[in-house]
PDB file of N, CA and C in Angstrom:
ATOM      1  N   MET A   1     -14.616 -95.325 -12.064  1.00  0.00           N
ATOM      2  CA  MET A   1     -15.821 -95.136 -12.835  1.00  0.00           C
ATOM      3  C   MET A   1     -17.005 -94.953 -11.881  1.00  0.00           C
ATOM      4  N   SER A   2     -17.765 -93.908 -12.084  1.00  0.00           N
ATOM      5  CA  SER A   2     -18.903 -93.652 -11.200  1.00  0.00           C
ATOM      6  C   SER A   2     -20.146 -94.384 -11.715  1.00  0.00           C
ATOM      7  N   THR A   3     -21.019 -94.683 -10.785  1.00  0.00           N
ATOM      8  CA  THR A   3     -22.254 -95.348 -11.167  1.00  0.00           C
ATOM      9  C   THR A   3     -23.294 -94.298 -11.525  1.00  0.00           C
ATOM     10  N   SER A   4     -24.165 -94.646 -12.447  1.00  0.00           N
ATOM     11  CA  SER A   4     -25.200 -93.713 -12.876  1.00  0.00           C
ATOM     12  C   SER A   4     -26.306 -93.627 -11.820  1.00  0.00           C
ATOM     13  N   PHE A   5     -27.105 -92.591 -11.928  1.00  0.00           N
ATOM     14  CA  PHE A   5     -28.230 -92.423 -11.023  1.00  0.00           C
ATOM     15  C   PHE A   5     -29.179 -93.616 -11.145  1.00  0.00           C
ATOM     16  N   THR A   6     -29.419 -94.072 -12.374  1.00  0.00           N
ATOM     17  CA  THR A   6     -30.280 -95.243 -12.612  1.00  0.00           C
ATOM     18  C   THR A   6     -29.754 -96.455 -11.864  1.00  0.00           C
ATOM     19  N   GLN A   7     -28.452 -96.665 -11.913  1.00  0.00           N
ATOM     20  CA  GLN A   7     -27.852 -97.803 -11.223  1.00  0.00           C
ATOM     21  C   GLN A   7     -27.951 -97.656  -9.708  1.00  0.00           C
ATOM     22  N   ARG A   8     -27.821 -96.426  -9.195  1.00  0.00           N
ATOM     23  CA  ARG A   8     -27.924 -96.213  -7.756  1.00  0.00           C
ATOM     24  C   ARG A   8     -29.357 -96.421  -7.264  1.00  0.00           C
ATOM     25  N   VAL A   9     -30.349 -96.017  -8.056  1.00  0.00           N
ATOM     26  CA  VAL A   9     -31.743 -96.283  -7.686  1.00  0.00           C
ATOM     27  C   VAL A   9     -31.980 -97.791  -7.683  1.00  0.00           C
ATOM     28  N   ALA A  10     -31.499 -98.475  -8.714  1.00  0.00           N
ATOM     29  CA  ALA A  10     -31.655 -99.930  -8.788  1.00  0.00           C
ATOM     30  C   ALA A  10     -31.010-100.595  -7.570  1.00  0.00           C
ATOM     31  N   GLU A  11     -29.854-100.110  -7.173  1.00  0.00           N
ATOM     32  CA  GLU A  11     -29.171-100.660  -5.998  1.00  0.00           C
ATOM     33  C   GLU A  11     -30.012-100.464  -4.735  1.00  0.00           C
ATOM     34  N   ALA A  12     -30.620 -99.288  -4.597  1.00  0.00           N
ATOM     35  CA  ALA A  12     -31.456 -99.013  -3.423  1.00  0.00           C
ATOM     36  C   ALA A  12     -32.684 -99.925  -3.408  1.00  0.00           C
ATOM     37  N   VAL A  13     -33.284-100.151  -4.567  1.00  0.00           N
ATOM     38  CA  VAL A  13     -34.450-101.038  -4.656  1.00  0.00           C
ATOM     39  C   VAL A  13     -34.034-102.471  -4.346  1.00  0.00           C
ATOM     40  N   ARG A  14     -32.907-102.909  -4.916  1.00  0.00           N
ATOM     41  CA  ARG A  14     -32.418-104.274  -4.636  1.00  0.00           C
ATOM     42  C   ARG A  14     -32.163-104.459  -3.147  1.00  0.00           C
ATOM     43  N   ALA A  15     -31.540-103.467  -2.522  1.00  0.00           N
ATOM     44  CA  ALA A  15     -31.216-103.570  -1.097  1.00  0.00           C
ATOM     45  C   ALA A  15     -32.489-103.660  -0.252  1.00  0.00           C
ATOM     46  N   GLU A  16     -33.474-102.833  -0.567  1.00  0.00           N
ATOM     47  CA  GLU A  16     -34.727-102.855   0.204  1.00  0.00           C
ATOM     48  C   GLU A  16     -35.468-104.172  -0.018  1.00  0.00           C
ATOM     49  N   ALA A  17     -35.492-104.640  -1.253  1.00  0.00           N
ATOM     50  CA  ALA A  17     -36.144-105.915  -1.553  1.00  0.00           C
ATOM     51  C   ALA A  17     -35.446-107.054  -0.800  1.00  0.00           C
ATOM     52  N   ALA A  18     -34.126-107.018  -0.739  1.00  0.00           N
ATOM     53  CA  ALA A  18     -33.373-108.055  -0.030  1.00  0.00           C
ATOM     54  C   ALA A  18     -33.656-107.992   1.471  1.00  0.00           C
ATOM     55  N   ARG A  19     -33.685-106.780   2.031  1.00  0.00           N
ATOM     56  CA  ARG A  19     -33.979-106.638   3.464  1.00  0.00           C
ATOM     57  C   ARG A  19     -35.337-107.239   3.812  1.00  0.00           C
ATOM     58  N   ARG A  20     -36.277-107.050   2.911  1.00  0.00           N
ATOM     59  CA  ARG A  20     -37.639-107.515   3.162  1.00  0.00           C
ATOM     60  C   ARG A  20     -37.918-108.902   2.566  1.00  0.00           C
ATOM     61  N   ARG A  21     -36.892-109.449   1.909  1.00  0.00           N
ATOM     62  CA  ARG A  21     -37.003-110.764   1.269  1.00  0.00           C
ATOM     63  C   ARG A  21     -38.180-110.832   0.292  1.00  0.00           C
ATOM     64  N   VAL A  22     -38.253-109.800  -0.543  1.00  0.00           N
ATOM     65  CA  VAL A  22     -39.304-109.710  -1.558  1.00  0.00           C
ATOM     66  C   VAL A  22     -38.723-110.171  -2.888  1.00  0.00           C
ATOM     67  N   PRO A  23     -39.262-111.241  -3.468  1.00  0.00           N
ATOM     68  CA  PRO A  23     -38.743-111.731  -4.749  1.00  0.00           C
ATOM     69  C   PRO A  23     -39.181-110.849  -5.926  1.00  0.00           C
ATOM     70  N   GLN A  24     -38.449-110.946  -7.007  1.00  0.00           N
ATOM     71  CA  GLN A  24     -38.759-110.156  -8.198  1.00  0.00           C
ATOM     72  C   GLN A  24     -40.182-110.405  -8.697  1.00  0.00           C
ATOM     73  N   ARG A  25     -40.679-111.608  -8.586  1.00  0.00           N
ATOM     74  CA  ARG A  25     -42.041-111.883  -9.073  1.00  0.00           C
ATOM     75  C   ARG A  25     -43.073-111.082  -8.283  1.00  0.00           C
ATOM     76  N   SER A  26     -42.827-110.858  -6.997  1.00  0.00           N
ATOM     77  CA  SER A  26     -43.736-110.047  -6.186  1.00  0.00           C
ATOM     78  C   SER A  26     -43.632-108.575  -6.567  1.00  0.00           C
ATOM     79  N   ILE A  27     -42.421-108.136  -6.868  1.00  0.00           N
ATOM     80  CA  ILE A  27     -42.233-106.758  -7.314  1.00  0.00           C
ATOM     81  C   ILE A  27     -42.929-106.559  -8.656  1.00  0.00           C
ATOM     82  N   ALA A  28     -42.788-107.528  -9.541  1.00  0.00           N
ATOM     83  CA  ALA A  28     -43.452-107.453 -10.841  1.00  0.00           C
ATOM     84  C   ALA A  28     -44.969-107.352 -10.672  1.00  0.00           C
ATOM     85  N   ALA A  29     -45.522-108.130  -9.754  1.00  0.00           N
ATOM     86  CA  ALA A  29     -46.964-108.081  -9.508  1.00  0.00           C
ATOM     87  C   ALA A  29     -47.370-106.716  -8.964  1.00  0.00           C
ATOM     88  N   ALA A  30     -46.576-106.154  -8.062  1.00  0.00           N
ATOM     89  CA  ALA A  30     -46.880-104.846  -7.477  1.00  0.00           C
ATOM     90  C   ALA A  30     -46.839-103.739  -8.532  1.00  0.00           C
ATOM     91  N   LEU A  31     -45.958-103.907  -9.525  1.00  0.00           N
ATOM     92  CA  LEU A  31     -45.815-102.902 -10.576  1.00  0.00           C
ATOM     93  C   LEU A  31     -46.690-103.187 -11.786  1.00  0.00           C
ATOM     94  N   GLY A  32     -47.301-104.360 -11.816  1.00  0.00           N
ATOM     95  CA  GLY A  32     -48.134-104.724 -12.963  1.00  0.00           C
ATOM     96  C   GLY A  32     -47.326-104.920 -14.232  1.00  0.00           C
ATOM     97  N   THR A  33     -46.166-105.543 -14.074  1.00  0.00           N
ATOM     98  CA  THR A  33     -45.287-105.759 -15.217  1.00  0.00           C
ATOM     99  C   THR A  33     -44.694-107.165 -15.138  1.00  0.00           C
ATOM    100  N   SER A  34     -43.847-107.502 -16.071  1.00  0.00           N
ATOM    101  CA  SER A  34     -43.251-108.835 -16.097  1.00  0.00           C
ATOM    102  C   SER A  34     -42.023-108.913 -15.202  1.00  0.00           C
ATOM    103  N   GLN A  35     -41.672-110.127 -14.822  1.00  0.00           N
ATOM    104  CA  GLN A  35     -40.474-110.333 -14.019  1.00  0.00           C
ATOM    105  C   GLN A  35     -39.242-109.935 -14.839  1.00  0.00           C
ATOM    106  N   GLN A  36     -39.288-110.165 -16.141  1.00  0.00           N
ATOM    107  CA  GLN A  36     -38.167-109.786 -17.011  1.00  0.00           C
ATOM    108  C   GLN A  36     -37.961-108.265 -16.993  1.00  0.00           C
ATOM    109  N   SER A  37     -39.050-107.521 -17.023  1.00  0.00           N
ATOM    110  CA  SER A  37     -38.974-106.059 -16.961  1.00  0.00           C
ATOM    111  C   SER A  37     -38.383-105.605 -15.628  1.00  0.00           C
ATOM    112  N   VAL A  38     -38.820-106.232 -14.549  1.00  0.00           N
ATOM    113  CA  VAL A  38     -38.280-105.905 -13.222  1.00  0.00           C
ATOM    114  C   VAL A  38     -36.792-106.247 -13.164  1.00  0.00           C
ATOM    115  N   SER A  39     -36.404-107.354 -13.740  1.00  0.00           N
ATOM    116  CA  SER A  39     -34.997-107.749 -13.749  1.00  0.00           C
ATOM    117  C   SER A  39     -34.139-106.688 -14.444  1.00  0.00           C
ATOM    118  N   ARG A  40     -34.611-106.172 -15.570  1.00  0.00           N
ATOM    119  CA  ARG A  40     -33.868-105.118 -16.284  1.00  0.00           C
ATOM    120  C   ARG A  40     -33.763-103.855 -15.431  1.00  0.00           C
ATOM    121  N   ARG A  41     -34.835-103.523 -14.710  1.00  0.00           N
ATOM    122  CA  ARG A  41     -34.804-102.337 -13.864  1.00  0.00           C
ATOM    123  C   ARG A  41     -33.876-102.544 -12.662  1.00  0.00           C
ATOM    124  N   MET A  42     -33.966-103.694 -12.048  1.00  0.00           N
ATOM    125  CA  MET A  42     -33.153-103.946 -10.856  1.00  0.00           C
ATOM    126  C   MET A  42     -31.671-104.100 -11.175  1.00  0.00           C
ATOM    127  N   SER A  43     -31.348-104.391 -12.428  1.00  0.00           N
ATOM    128  CA  SER A  43     -29.942-104.461 -12.829  1.00  0.00           C
ATOM    129  C   SER A  43     -29.403-103.087 -13.217  1.00  0.00           C
ATOM    130  N   GLY A  44     -30.311-102.109 -13.353  1.00  0.00           N
ATOM    131  CA  GLY A  44     -29.890-100.779 -13.758  1.00  0.00           C
ATOM    132  C   GLY A  44     -29.850-100.606 -15.254  1.00  0.00           C
ATOM    133  N   GLU A  45     -30.248-101.635 -15.988  1.00  0.00           N
ATOM    134  CA  GLU A  45     -30.251-101.577 -17.453  1.00  0.00           C
ATOM    135  C   GLU A  45     -31.339-100.627 -17.950  1.00  0.00           C
ATOM    136  N   THR A  46     -32.487-100.645 -17.297  1.00  0.00           N
ATOM    137  CA  THR A  46     -33.631 -99.786 -17.619  1.00  0.00           C
ATOM    138  C   THR A  46     -33.995 -99.011 -16.366  1.00  0.00           C
ATOM    139  N   PRO A  47     -34.214 -97.710 -16.469  1.00  0.00           N
ATOM    140  CA  PRO A  47     -34.547 -96.951 -15.258  1.00  0.00           C
ATOM    141  C   PRO A  47     -35.969 -97.212 -14.764  1.00  0.00           C
ATOM    142  N   PHE A  48     -36.140 -97.160 -13.446  1.00  0.00           N
ATOM    143  CA  PHE A  48     -37.473 -97.152 -12.854  1.00  0.00           C
ATOM    144  C   PHE A  48     -38.063 -95.782 -13.136  1.00  0.00           C
ATOM    145  N   ASP A  49     -39.376 -95.703 -13.400  1.00  0.00           N
ATOM    146  CA  ASP A  49     -39.981 -94.382 -13.519  1.00  0.00           C
ATOM    147  C   ASP A  49     -40.502 -93.946 -12.153  1.00  0.00           C
ATOM    148  N   VAL A  50     -40.900 -92.711 -12.051  1.00  0.00           N
ATOM    149  CA  VAL A  50     -41.320 -92.132 -10.777  1.00  0.00           C
ATOM    150  C   VAL A  50     -42.496 -92.893 -10.184  1.00  0.00           C
ATOM    151  N   ASP A  51     -43.477 -93.252 -11.012  1.00  0.00           N
ATOM    152  CA  ASP A  51     -44.636 -93.998 -10.512  1.00  0.00           C
ATOM    153  C   ASP A  51     -44.223 -95.360  -9.964  1.00  0.00           C
ATOM    154  N   GLU A  52     -43.282 -96.010 -10.626  1.00  0.00           N
ATOM    155  CA  GLU A  52     -42.816 -97.315 -10.149  1.00  0.00           C
ATOM    156  C   GLU A  52     -42.117 -97.183  -8.797  1.00  0.00           C
ATOM    157  N   ILE A  53     -41.297 -96.156  -8.655  1.00  0.00           N
ATOM    158  CA  ILE A  53     -40.613 -95.941  -7.379  1.00  0.00           C
ATOM    159  C   ILE A  53     -41.633 -95.652  -6.281  1.00  0.00           C
ATOM    160  N   HIS A  54     -42.622 -94.847  -6.609  1.00  0.00           N
ATOM    161  CA  HIS A  54     -43.686 -94.543  -5.638  1.00  0.00           C
ATOM    162  C   HIS A  54     -44.415 -95.822  -5.230  1.00  0.00           C
ATOM    163  N   ASN A  55     -44.797 -96.650  -6.194  1.00  0.00           N
ATOM    164  CA  ASN A  55     -45.489 -97.907  -5.888  1.00  0.00           C
ATOM    165  C   ASN A  55     -44.622 -98.846  -5.062  1.00  0.00           C
ATOM    166  N   LEU A  56     -43.334 -98.908  -5.381  1.00  0.00           N
ATOM    167  CA  LEU A  56     -42.433 -99.765  -4.606  1.00  0.00           C
ATOM    168  C   LEU A  56     -42.296 -99.257  -3.178  1.00  0.00           C
ATOM    169  N   ALA A  57     -42.161 -97.955  -3.011  1.00  0.00           N
ATOM    170  CA  ALA A  57     -42.045 -97.391  -1.667  1.00  0.00           C
ATOM    171  C   ALA A  57     -43.284 -97.749  -0.845  1.00  0.00           C
ATOM    172  N   GLU A  58     -44.458 -97.612  -1.447  1.00  0.00           N
ATOM    173  CA  GLU A  58     -45.687 -97.980  -0.732  1.00  0.00           C
ATOM    174  C   GLU A  58     -45.708 -99.473  -0.419  1.00  0.00           C
ATOM    175  N   SER A  59     -45.321-100.297  -1.373  1.00  0.00           N
ATOM    176  CA  SER A  59     -45.316-101.755  -1.168  1.00  0.00           C
ATOM    177  C   SER A  59     -44.334-102.167  -0.077  1.00  0.00           C
ATOM    178  N   PHE A  60     -43.165-101.507  -0.051  1.00  0.00           N
ATOM    179  CA  PHE A  60     -42.153-101.820   0.957  1.00  0.00           C
ATOM    180  C   PHE A  60     -42.460-101.172   2.303  1.00  0.00           C
ATOM    181  N   GLY A  61     -43.345-100.178   2.301  1.00  0.00           N
ATOM    182  CA  GLY A  61     -43.636 -99.453   3.535  1.00  0.00           C
ATOM    183  C   GLY A  61     -42.527 -98.503   3.935  1.00  0.00           C
ATOM    184  N   VAL A  62     -41.877 -97.924   2.934  1.00  0.00           N
ATOM    185  CA  VAL A  62     -40.797 -96.968   3.179  1.00  0.00           C
ATOM    186  C   VAL A  62     -41.120 -95.658   2.471  1.00  0.00           C
ATOM    187  N   SER A  63     -40.341 -94.634   2.751  1.00  0.00           N
ATOM    188  CA  SER A  63     -40.554 -93.353   2.077  1.00  0.00           C
ATOM    189  C   SER A  63     -40.026 -93.414   0.649  1.00  0.00           C
ATOM    190  N   PHE A  64     -40.618 -92.597  -0.191  1.00  0.00           N
ATOM    191  CA  PHE A  64     -40.159 -92.457  -1.574  1.00  0.00           C
ATOM    192  C   PHE A  64     -38.674 -92.085  -1.580  1.00  0.00           C
ATOM    193  N   ALA A  65     -38.311 -91.128  -0.728  1.00  0.00           N
ATOM    194  CA  ALA A  65     -36.935 -90.635  -0.691  1.00  0.00           C
ATOM    195  C   ALA A  65     -35.926 -91.723  -0.329  1.00  0.00           C
ATOM    196  N   SER A  66     -36.358 -92.731   0.419  1.00  0.00           N
ATOM    197  CA  SER A  66     -35.417 -93.788   0.808  1.00  0.00           C
ATOM    198  C   SER A  66     -34.956 -94.615  -0.391  1.00  0.00           C
ATOM    199  N   LEU A  67     -35.703 -94.556  -1.479  1.00  0.00           N
ATOM    200  CA  LEU A  67     -35.327 -95.301  -2.688  1.00  0.00           C
ATOM    201  C   LEU A  67     -34.613 -94.417  -3.708  1.00  0.00           C
ATOM    202  N   ILE A  68     -34.426 -93.140  -3.344  1.00  0.00           N
ATOM    203  CA  ILE A  68     -33.749 -92.194  -4.235  1.00  0.00           C
ATOM    204  C   ILE A  68     -32.414 -91.812  -3.609  1.00  0.00           C
ATOM    205  N   PRO A  69     -31.311 -92.269  -4.181  1.00  0.00           N
ATOM    206  CA  PRO A  69     -30.004 -91.938  -3.625  1.00  0.00           C
ATOM    207  C   PRO A  69     -29.782 -90.428  -3.588  1.00  0.00           C
ATOM    208  N   ASP A  70     -29.197 -89.959  -2.527  1.00  0.00           N
ATOM    209  CA  ASP A  70     -28.852 -88.550  -2.368  1.00  0.00           C
ATOM    210  C   ASP A  70     -30.069 -87.629  -2.382  1.00  0.00           C
ATOM    211  N   ALA A  71     -31.238 -88.148  -1.997  1.00  0.00           N
ATOM    212  CA  ALA A  71     -32.465 -87.354  -2.031  1.00  0.00           C
ATOM    213  C   ALA A  71     -32.385 -86.140  -1.116  1.00  0.00           C
ATOM    214  N   ASN A  72     -31.572 -86.202  -0.089  1.00  0.00           N
ATOM    215  CA  ASN A  72     -31.488 -85.098   0.863  1.00  0.00           C
ATOM    216  C   ASN A  72     -30.324 -84.154   0.596  1.00  0.00           C
ATOM    217  N   LYS A  73     -29.613 -84.387  -0.515  1.00  0.00           N
ATOM    218  CA  LYS A  73     -28.498 -83.510  -0.861  1.00  0.00           C
ATOM    219  C   LYS A  73     -29.027 -82.164  -1.348  1.00  0.00           C
ATOM    220  N   THR A  74     -28.213 -81.156  -1.190  1.00  0.00           N
ATOM    221  CA  THR A  74     -28.572 -79.828  -1.668  1.00  0.00           C
ATOM    222  C   THR A  74     -28.642 -79.855  -3.193  1.00  0.00           C
ATOM    223  N   PRO A  75     -29.727 -79.354  -3.769  1.00  0.00           N
ATOM    224  CA  PRO A  75     -29.864 -79.370  -5.234  1.00  0.00           C
ATOM    225  C   PRO A  75     -28.876 -78.425  -5.907  1.00  0.00           C
ATOM    226  N   ALA A  76     -28.704 -78.623  -7.188  1.00  0.00           N
ATOM    227  CA  ALA A  76     -27.783 -77.808  -7.978  1.00  0.00           C
ATOM    228  C   ALA A  76     -28.140 -76.328  -7.929  1.00  0.00           C
ATOM    229  N   LEU A  77     -29.389 -76.007  -7.628  1.00  0.00           N
ATOM    230  CA  LEU A  77     -29.798 -74.609  -7.547  1.00  0.00           C
ATOM    231  C   LEU A  77     -28.917 -73.834  -6.579  1.00  0.00           C
ATOM    232  N   ALA A  78     -28.532 -74.466  -5.502  1.00  0.00           N
ATOM    233  CA  ALA A  78     -27.713 -73.803  -4.498  1.00  0.00           C
ATOM    234  C   ALA A  78     -26.299 -73.550  -5.007  1.00  0.00           C
ATOM    235  N   ASP A  79     -25.905 -74.260  -6.039  1.00  0.00           N
ATOM    236  CA  ASP A  79     -24.574 -74.090  -6.597  1.00  0.00           C
ATOM    237  C   ASP A  79     -24.538 -73.015  -7.681  1.00  0.00           C
ATOM    238  N   GLY A  80     -25.656 -72.315  -7.896  1.00  0.00           N
ATOM    239  CA  GLY A  80     -25.686 -71.253  -8.886  1.00  0.00           C
ATOM    240  C   GLY A  80     -25.841 -71.744 -10.304  1.00  0.00           C
ATOM    241  N   VAL A  81     -26.247 -72.986 -10.490  1.00  0.00           N
ATOM    242  CA  VAL A  81     -26.421 -73.521 -11.834  1.00  0.00           C
ATOM    243  C   VAL A  81     -27.587 -72.815 -12.526  1.00  0.00           C
ATOM    244  N   PHE A  82     -28.611 -72.479 -11.756  1.00  0.00           N
ATOM    245  CA  PHE A  82     -29.769 -71.778 -12.292  1.00  0.00           C
ATOM    246  C   PHE A  82     -29.948 -70.463 -11.546  1.00  0.00           C
ATOM    247  N   THR A  83     -30.277 -69.453 -12.275  1.00  0.00           N
ATOM    248  CA  THR A  83     -30.559 -68.167 -11.668  1.00  0.00           C
ATOM    249  C   THR A  83     -31.855 -67.622 -12.253  1.00  0.00           C
ATOM    250  N   GLN A  84     -32.807 -67.322 -11.413  1.00  0.00           N
ATOM    251  CA  GLN A  84     -34.100 -66.781 -11.811  1.00  0.00           C
ATOM    252  C   GLN A  84     -34.726 -67.575 -12.944  1.00  0.00           C
ATOM    253  N   GLY A  85     -34.670 -68.904 -12.824  1.00  0.00           N
ATOM    254  CA  GLY A  85     -35.332 -69.777 -13.797  1.00  0.00           C
ATOM    255  C   GLY A  85     -34.585 -69.979 -15.089  1.00  0.00           C
ATOM    256  N   LYS A  86     -33.371 -69.441 -15.194  1.00  0.00           N
ATOM    257  CA  LYS A  86     -32.587 -69.590 -16.427  1.00  0.00           C
ATOM    258  C   LYS A  86     -31.271 -70.282 -16.116  1.00  0.00           C
ATOM    259  N   ALA A  87     -30.880 -71.174 -17.007  1.00  0.00           N
ATOM    260  CA  ALA A  87     -29.593 -71.841 -16.839  1.00  0.00           C
ATOM    261  C   ALA A  87     -28.478 -70.850 -17.025  1.00  0.00           C
ATOM    262  N   THR A  88     -27.417 -70.976 -16.230  1.00  0.00           N
ATOM    263  CA  THR A  88     -26.282 -70.056 -16.326  1.00  0.00           C
ATOM    264  C   THR A  88     -25.057 -70.734 -16.908  1.00  0.00           C
ATOM    265  N   ALA A  89     -25.252 -71.884 -17.553  1.00  0.00           N
ATOM    266  CA  ALA A  89     -24.132 -72.634 -18.108  1.00  0.00           C
ATOM    267  C   ALA A  89     -23.440 -71.798 -19.104  1.00  0.00           C
TER     268      ALA A  89
END
C-alpha cells in the first residue's frame, strides 16, 4: 500500500520538527492554530496547505521544497500527460 502525498508531507514535517526538537505547541503557535489541528496535520489525517508549509519552512529555517516529498522529480508534463495546455488522458 502506498502512502498518500498528504501523508508524505506530514512525515517530512514530523521529521524536521523532530530534528529540531520543535514541539507541536510551538508549531501550532507558528501557524496560528490549535495543537489539535497540528496533530491532525502531522498524522496525515488533514493536509497542510501551501501557506502552512511555507510558514513551517521559514520557522524551521529550511527550504519550502525540503518539506515537499519528490519536489525535484520531473513533473508529469514530461511524461506527455499534458500537451499544449490540454490533458491527453
